Amino acid sequence: MFARGTQMKLGKAILVAGILAFAPAAFAQQPASGSDPIINYSDDDQAMNKAVADARARLGYFWEREKAKARNESDFALKVAIPTTSPGGPRYEHIWVENISRSGDGFAASLANEPGWLRGLHNGDRVEFTENMISDWGFYRGDKMIGFYTVRVMLPDMPATDAAEIRAMLGENPK
């Protein structure tokens, strides 16, 4: 499902418990300085590819909740695959975005964390994308995280204290 050379992040704006990224193991080169730590996954990682497929299959639920937010639902965010502009890096960076709005045939949103391979873009910058570029979604219902499919796959590879903190915040995902 991932094109060779993808990078994914779990952004500060999304979680209180640390920031982690994922990139294929084939890329040993580090991202731009000041970007987030990285966990490497192969392009054919079955668990990560399934997480993306599950998130995409349930994207309608995200849009329903985002449109008709309950009082206890907040912090709606998407993870989007954006083509990179840095030579020697992955072809796509999967990065969290927030403050989502419709824009023509697609969407616009603000980057929710500092990119590693998107030259000239920084945390808070607006980007445009289409629905087929979405690789994950999430929001909070009270103090529980709903969605965050790729984050759930990353838990075994995170530092134990971060993983425990995130596990405690995970809510049940829609079926």
C-alpha atoms as a PDB file:
ATOM      1  CA  MET A   1       0.000   0.000   0.000  1.00  0.00           C
ATOM      2  CA  PHE A   2       2.849   2.426   0.716  1.00  0.00           C
ATOM      3  CA  ALA A   3       4.950   3.622  -2.136  1.00  0.00           C
ATOM      4  CA  ARG A   4       8.611   3.019  -1.439  1.00  0.00           C
ATOM      5  CA  GLY A   5       9.799   5.867   0.690  1.00  0.00           C
ATOM      6  CA  THR A   6       7.127   7.009   3.108  1.00  0.00           C
ATOM      7  CA  GLN A   7       7.460   8.669   6.476  1.00  0.00           C
ATOM      8  CA  MET A   8       4.784   8.946   9.160  1.00  0.00           C
ATOM      9  CA  LYS A   9       4.557  10.923  12.383  1.00  0.00           C
ATOM     10  CA  LEU A  10       2.554  11.039  15.536  1.00  0.00           C
ATOM     11  CA  GLY A  11       2.408  14.776  16.211  1.00  0.00           C
ATOM     12  CA  LYS A  12       2.758  16.777  19.425  1.00  0.00           C
ATOM     13  CA  ALA A  13      -0.464  18.547  18.634  1.00  0.00           C
ATOM     14  CA  ILE A  14      -2.191  15.167  18.506  1.00  0.00           C
ATOM     15  CA  LEU A  15      -0.783  13.431  21.591  1.00  0.00           C
ATOM     16  CA  VAL A  16       0.586  14.562  24.895  1.00  0.00           C
ATOM     17  CA  ALA A  17       2.884  11.536  25.017  1.00  0.00           C
ATOM     18  CA  GLY A  18       5.785  12.161  22.678  1.00  0.00           C
ATOM     19  CA  ILE A  19       6.238  12.250  18.935  1.00  0.00           C
ATOM     20  CA  LEU A  20       7.194   9.316  16.743  1.00  0.00           C
ATOM     21  CA  ALA A  21       7.432   8.910  13.014  1.00  0.00           C
ATOM     22  CA  PHE A  22       7.578   5.969  10.721  1.00  0.00           C
ATOM     23  CA  ALA A  23       9.583   5.535   7.563  1.00  0.00           C
ATOM     24  CA  PRO A  24      10.643   2.544   5.523  1.00  0.00           C
ATOM     25  CA  ALA A  25      13.786   0.846   6.728  1.00  0.00           C
ATOM     26  CA  ALA A  26      15.352   1.372   3.314  1.00  0.00           C
ATOM     27  CA  PHE A  27      15.924   5.028   4.178  1.00  0.00           C
ATOM     28  CA  ALA A  28      18.615   5.447   6.798  1.00  0.00           C
ATOM     29  CA  GLN A  29      19.074   9.147   6.097  1.00  0.00           C
ATOM     30  CA  GLN A  30      17.688  11.348   8.848  1.00  0.00           C
ATOM     31  CA  PRO A  31      15.110  14.078   8.211  1.00  0.00           C
ATOM     32  CA  ALA A  32      15.729  17.789   8.583  1.00  0.00           C
ATOM     33  CA  SER A  33      17.069  18.866  11.955  1.00  0.00           C
ATOM     34  CA  GLY A  34      14.404  19.746  14.466  1.00  0.00           C
ATOM     35  CA  SER A  35      11.979  17.153  13.129  1.00  0.00           C
ATOM     36  CA  ASP A  36      10.578  14.292  15.156  1.00  0.00           C
ATOM     37  CA  PRO A  37      12.191  10.932  16.033  1.00  0.00           C
ATOM     38  CA  ILE A  38      11.560   8.141  13.531  1.00  0.00           C
ATOM     39  CA  ILE A  39      10.593   4.478  13.752  1.00  0.00           C
ATOM     40  CA  ASN A  40      11.370   2.559  10.560  1.00  0.00           C
ATOM     41  CA  TYR A  41       8.891   0.191   8.903  1.00  0.00           C
ATOM     42  CA  SER A  42       9.241  -1.594   5.594  1.00  0.00           C
ATOM     43  CA  ASP A  43       6.959  -0.602   2.735  1.00  0.00           C
ATOM     44  CA  ASP A  44       5.363  -4.038   2.859  1.00  0.00           C
ATOM     45  CA  ASP A  45       4.742  -4.033   6.635  1.00  0.00           C
ATOM     46  CA  GLN A  46       1.437  -5.900   6.818  1.00  0.00           C
ATOM     47  CA  ALA A  47       0.283  -4.419  10.118  1.00  0.00           C
ATOM     48  CA  MET A  48       0.912  -0.822   9.036  1.00  0.00           C
ATOM     49  CA  ASN A  49      -0.682  -1.354   5.626  1.00  0.00           C
ATOM     50  CA  LYS A  50      -3.727  -2.932   7.301  1.00  0.00           C
ATOM     51  CA  ALA A  51      -3.969   0.031   9.697  1.00  0.00           C
ATOM     52  CA  VAL A  52      -4.032   2.454   6.761  1.00  0.00           C
ATOM     53  CA  ALA A  53      -6.626   0.336   4.941  1.00  0.00           C
ATOM     54  CA  ASP A  54      -8.798   0.171   8.094  1.00  0.00           C
ATOM     55  CA  ALA A  55      -8.543   3.932   8.622  1.00  0.00           C
ATOM     56  CA  ARG A  56      -9.514   4.597   5.014  1.00  0.00           C
ATOM     57  CA  ALA A  57     -12.397   2.109   5.211  1.00  0.00           C
ATOM     58  CA  ARG A  58     -13.782   3.985   8.234  1.00  0.00           C
ATOM     59  CA  LEU A  59     -13.097   7.513   7.011  1.00  0.00           C
ATOM     60  CA  GLY A  60     -16.849   8.095   6.606  1.00  0.00           C
ATOM     61  CA  TYR A  61     -17.205   7.778  10.388  1.00  0.00           C
ATOM     62  CA  PHE A  62     -14.583  10.502  10.877  1.00  0.00           C
ATOM     63  CA  TRP A  63     -16.427  12.860   8.481  1.00  0.00           C
ATOM     64  CA  GLU A  64     -19.766  12.159  10.217  1.00  0.00           C
ATOM     65  CA  ARG A  65     -18.345  12.935  13.659  1.00  0.00           C
ATOM     66  CA  GLU A  66     -16.391  15.962  12.408  1.00  0.00           C
ATOM     67  CA  LYS A  67     -19.550  17.413  10.871  1.00  0.00           C
ATOM     68  CA  ALA A  68     -21.787  16.732  13.895  1.00  0.00           C
ATOM     69  CA  LYS A  69     -19.347  16.960  16.817  1.00  0.00           C
ATOM     70  CA  ALA A  70     -20.680  16.037  20.208  1.00  0.00           C
ATOM     71  CA  ARG A  71     -19.733  18.368  23.070  1.00  0.00           C
ATOM     72  CA  ASN A  72     -17.102  15.898  24.268  1.00  0.00           C
ATOM     73  CA  GLU A  73     -15.504  15.391  20.803  1.00  0.00           C
ATOM     74  CA  SER A  74     -12.507  17.522  19.825  1.00  0.00           C
ATOM     75  CA  ASP A  75      -9.105  17.724  18.159  1.00  0.00           C
ATOM     76  CA  PHE A  76     -10.108  16.224  14.810  1.00  0.00           C
ATOM     77  CA  ALA A  77      -7.015  15.451  12.742  1.00  0.00           C
ATOM     78  CA  LEU A  78      -5.984  13.553   9.632  1.00  0.00           C
ATOM     79  CA  LYS A  79      -2.687  11.967   8.645  1.00  0.00           C
ATOM     80  CA  VAL A  80      -1.924  12.840   5.027  1.00  0.00           C
ATOM     81  CA  ALA A  81       0.709  11.522   2.578  1.00  0.00           C
ATOM     82  CA  ILE A  82       2.377  14.603   1.094  1.00  0.00           C
ATOM     83  CA  PRO A  83       4.994  14.245  -1.659  1.00  0.00           C
ATOM     84  CA  THR A  84       8.373  15.282  -0.282  1.00  0.00           C
ATOM     85  CA  THR A  85      10.679  17.915  -1.672  1.00  0.00           C
ATOM     86  CA  SER A  86      13.963  16.906  -0.009  1.00  0.00           C
ATOM     87  CA  PRO A  87      16.539  15.064  -2.120  1.00  0.00           C
ATOM     88  CA  GLY A  88      17.564  11.717  -0.651  1.00  0.00           C
ATOM     89  CA  GLY A  89      14.478  11.429   1.542  1.00  0.00           C
ATOM     90  CA  PRO A  90      11.340   9.342   1.155  1.00  0.00           C
ATOM     91  CA  ARG A  91       8.891  10.089  -1.631  1.00  0.00           C
ATOM     92  CA  TYR A  92       6.025  10.817   0.787  1.00  0.00           C
ATOM     93  CA  GLU A  93       5.797  12.126   4.315  1.00  0.00           C
ATOM     94  CA  HIS A  94       2.707  11.017   6.237  1.00  0.00           C
ATOM     95  CA  ILE A  95       2.033  13.897   8.601  1.00  0.00           C
ATOM     96  CA  TRP A  96      -0.827  14.944  10.869  1.00  0.00           C
ATOM     97  CA  VAL A  97      -2.934  17.943   9.876  1.00  0.00           C
ATOM     98  CA  GLU A  98      -5.620  19.837  11.786  1.00  0.00           C
ATOM     99  CA  ASN A  99      -8.063  22.736  11.236  1.00  0.00           C
ATOM    100  CA  ILE A 100      -9.449  20.929   8.200  1.00  0.00           C
ATOM    101  CA  SER A 101     -11.615  22.719   5.631  1.00  0.00           C
ATOM    102  CA  ARG A 102     -12.944  21.934   2.161  1.00  0.00           C
ATOM    103  CA  SER A 103     -10.939  23.460  -0.684  1.00  0.00           C
ATOM    104  CA  GLY A 104     -12.193  22.997  -4.228  1.00  0.00           C
ATOM    105  CA  ASP A 105     -12.195  19.257  -4.981  1.00  0.00           C
ATOM    106  CA  GLY A 106     -10.148  18.499  -1.863  1.00  0.00           C
ATOM    107  CA  PHE A 107      -9.192  19.838   1.503  1.00  0.00           C
ATOM    108  CA  ALA A 108      -6.869  22.301   3.195  1.00  0.00           C
ATOM    109  CA  ALA A 109      -5.453  21.951   6.700  1.00  0.00           C
ATOM    110  CA  SER A 110      -2.619  23.096   8.958  1.00  0.00           C
ATOM    111  CA  LEU A 111       0.411  20.892   9.602  1.00  0.00           C
ATOM    112  CA  ALA A 112       0.148  19.649  13.192  1.00  0.00           C
ATOM    113  CA  ASN A 113       3.864  19.005  13.663  1.00  0.00           C
ATOM    114  CA  GLU A 114       7.219  19.924  12.139  1.00  0.00           C
ATOM    115  CA  PRO A 115       7.839  18.049   8.876  1.00  0.00           C
ATOM    116  CA  GLY A 116      11.092  16.244   8.250  1.00  0.00           C
ATOM    117  CA  TRP A 117      11.218  16.161   4.457  1.00  0.00           C
ATOM    118  CA  LEU A 118       8.863  18.908   3.265  1.00  0.00           C
ATOM    119  CA  ARG A 119      11.209  21.752   2.408  1.00  0.00           C
ATOM    120  CA  GLY A 120       9.819  25.193   3.053  1.00  0.00           C
ATOM    121  CA  LEU A 121       6.913  23.898   5.167  1.00  0.00           C
ATOM    122  CA  HIS A 122       6.658  24.173   8.947  1.00  0.00           C
ATOM    123  CA  ASN A 123       4.302  23.318  11.777  1.00  0.00           C
ATOM    124  CA  GLY A 124       1.118  25.363  11.287  1.00  0.00           C
ATOM    125  CA  ASP A 125       1.532  25.913   7.528  1.00  0.00           C
ATOM    126  CA  ARG A 126      -1.532  25.227   5.375  1.00  0.00           C
ATOM    127  CA  VAL A 127      -1.408  22.369   2.869  1.00  0.00           C
ATOM    128  CA  GLU A 128      -3.923  21.122   0.304  1.00  0.00           C
ATOM    129  CA  PHE A 129      -4.697  17.466  -0.324  1.00  0.00           C
ATOM    130  CA  THR A 130      -7.305  15.079  -1.681  1.00  0.00           C
ATOM    131  CA  GLU A 131      -9.104  12.284   0.129  1.00  0.00           C
ATOM    132  CA  ASN A 132      -6.961   9.585  -1.507  1.00  0.00           C
ATOM    133  CA  MET A 133      -3.914  11.079   0.287  1.00  0.00           C
ATOM    134  CA  ILE A 134      -5.381  10.384   3.756  1.00  0.00           C
ATOM    135  CA  SER A 135      -3.649   7.530   5.602  1.00  0.00           C
ATOM    136  CA  ASP A 136      -5.162   7.878   9.099  1.00  0.00           C
ATOM    137  CA  TRP A 137      -7.561   9.933  11.169  1.00  0.00           C
ATOM    138  CA  GLY A 138      -8.285  10.565  14.821  1.00  0.00           C
ATOM    139  CA  PHE A 139     -10.114  12.681  17.358  1.00  0.00           C
ATOM    140  CA  TYR A 140     -10.747  12.774  21.081  1.00  0.00           C
ATOM    141  CA  ARG A 141     -13.992  11.719  22.716  1.00  0.00           C
ATOM    142  CA  GLY A 142     -13.578  13.025  26.219  1.00  0.00           C
ATOM    143  CA  ASP A 143     -10.113  11.835  27.218  1.00  0.00           C
ATOM    144  CA  LYS A 144     -10.129   8.852  24.815  1.00  0.00           C
ATOM    145  CA  MET A 145      -8.488   8.699  21.408  1.00  0.00           C
ATOM    146  CA  ILE A 146     -10.758   7.430  18.623  1.00  0.00           C
ATOM    147  CA  GLY A 147      -9.156   6.329  15.346  1.00  0.00           C
ATOM    148  CA  PHE A 148      -5.344   6.651  15.305  1.00  0.00           C
ATOM    149  CA  TYR A 149      -5.022   3.336  13.474  1.00  0.00           C
ATOM    150  CA  THR A 150      -1.348   3.764  12.557  1.00  0.00           C
ATOM    151  CA  VAL A 151      -0.508   4.910  16.091  1.00  0.00           C
ATOM    152  CA  ARG A 152      -1.904   1.649  17.469  1.00  0.00           C
ATOM    153  CA  VAL A 153       0.473  -0.299  15.222  1.00  0.00           C
ATOM    154  CA  MET A 154       3.416   1.819  16.395  1.00  0.00           C
ATOM    155  CA  LEU A 155       2.869   1.075  20.110  1.00  0.00           C
ATOM    156  CA  PRO A 156       5.172  -1.988  20.352  1.00  0.00           C
ATOM    157  CA  ASP A 157       7.998   0.046  18.805  1.00  0.00           C
ATOM    158  CA  MET A 158       7.652   3.069  21.090  1.00  0.00           C
ATOM    159  CA  PRO A 159       9.467   3.652  24.368  1.00  0.00           C
ATOM    160  CA  ALA A 160       7.530   1.712  27.034  1.00  0.00           C
ATOM    161  CA  THR A 161       6.457   4.779  29.023  1.00  0.00           C
ATOM    162  CA  ASP A 162       5.099   6.565  25.919  1.00  0.00           C
ATOM    163  CA  ALA A 163       3.297   3.421  24.749  1.00  0.00           C
ATOM    164  CA  ALA A 164       1.701   2.905  28.176  1.00  0.00           C
ATOM    165  CA  GLU A 165       0.504   6.504  28.295  1.00  0.00           C
ATOM    166  CA  ILE A 166      -1.018   6.243  24.821  1.00  0.00           C
ATOM    167  CA  ARG A 167      -2.618   2.827  25.505  1.00  0.00           C
ATOM    168  CA  ALA A 168      -4.362   4.361  28.527  1.00  0.00           C
ATOM    169  CA  MET A 169      -5.878   7.033  26.264  1.00  0.00           C
ATOM    170  CA  LEU A 170      -7.080   4.718  23.462  1.00  0.00           C
ATOM    171  CA  GLY A 171     -10.823   4.360  23.051  1.00  0.00           C
ATOM    172  CA  GLU A 172     -12.737   1.778  21.060  1.00  0.00           C
ATOM    173  CA  ASN A 173     -12.748   2.333  17.311  1.00  0.00           C
ATOM    174  CA  PRO A 174     -15.884   2.064  15.166  1.00  0.00           C
ATOM    175  CA  LYS A 175     -16.603  -1.323  13.626  1.00  0.00           C
END
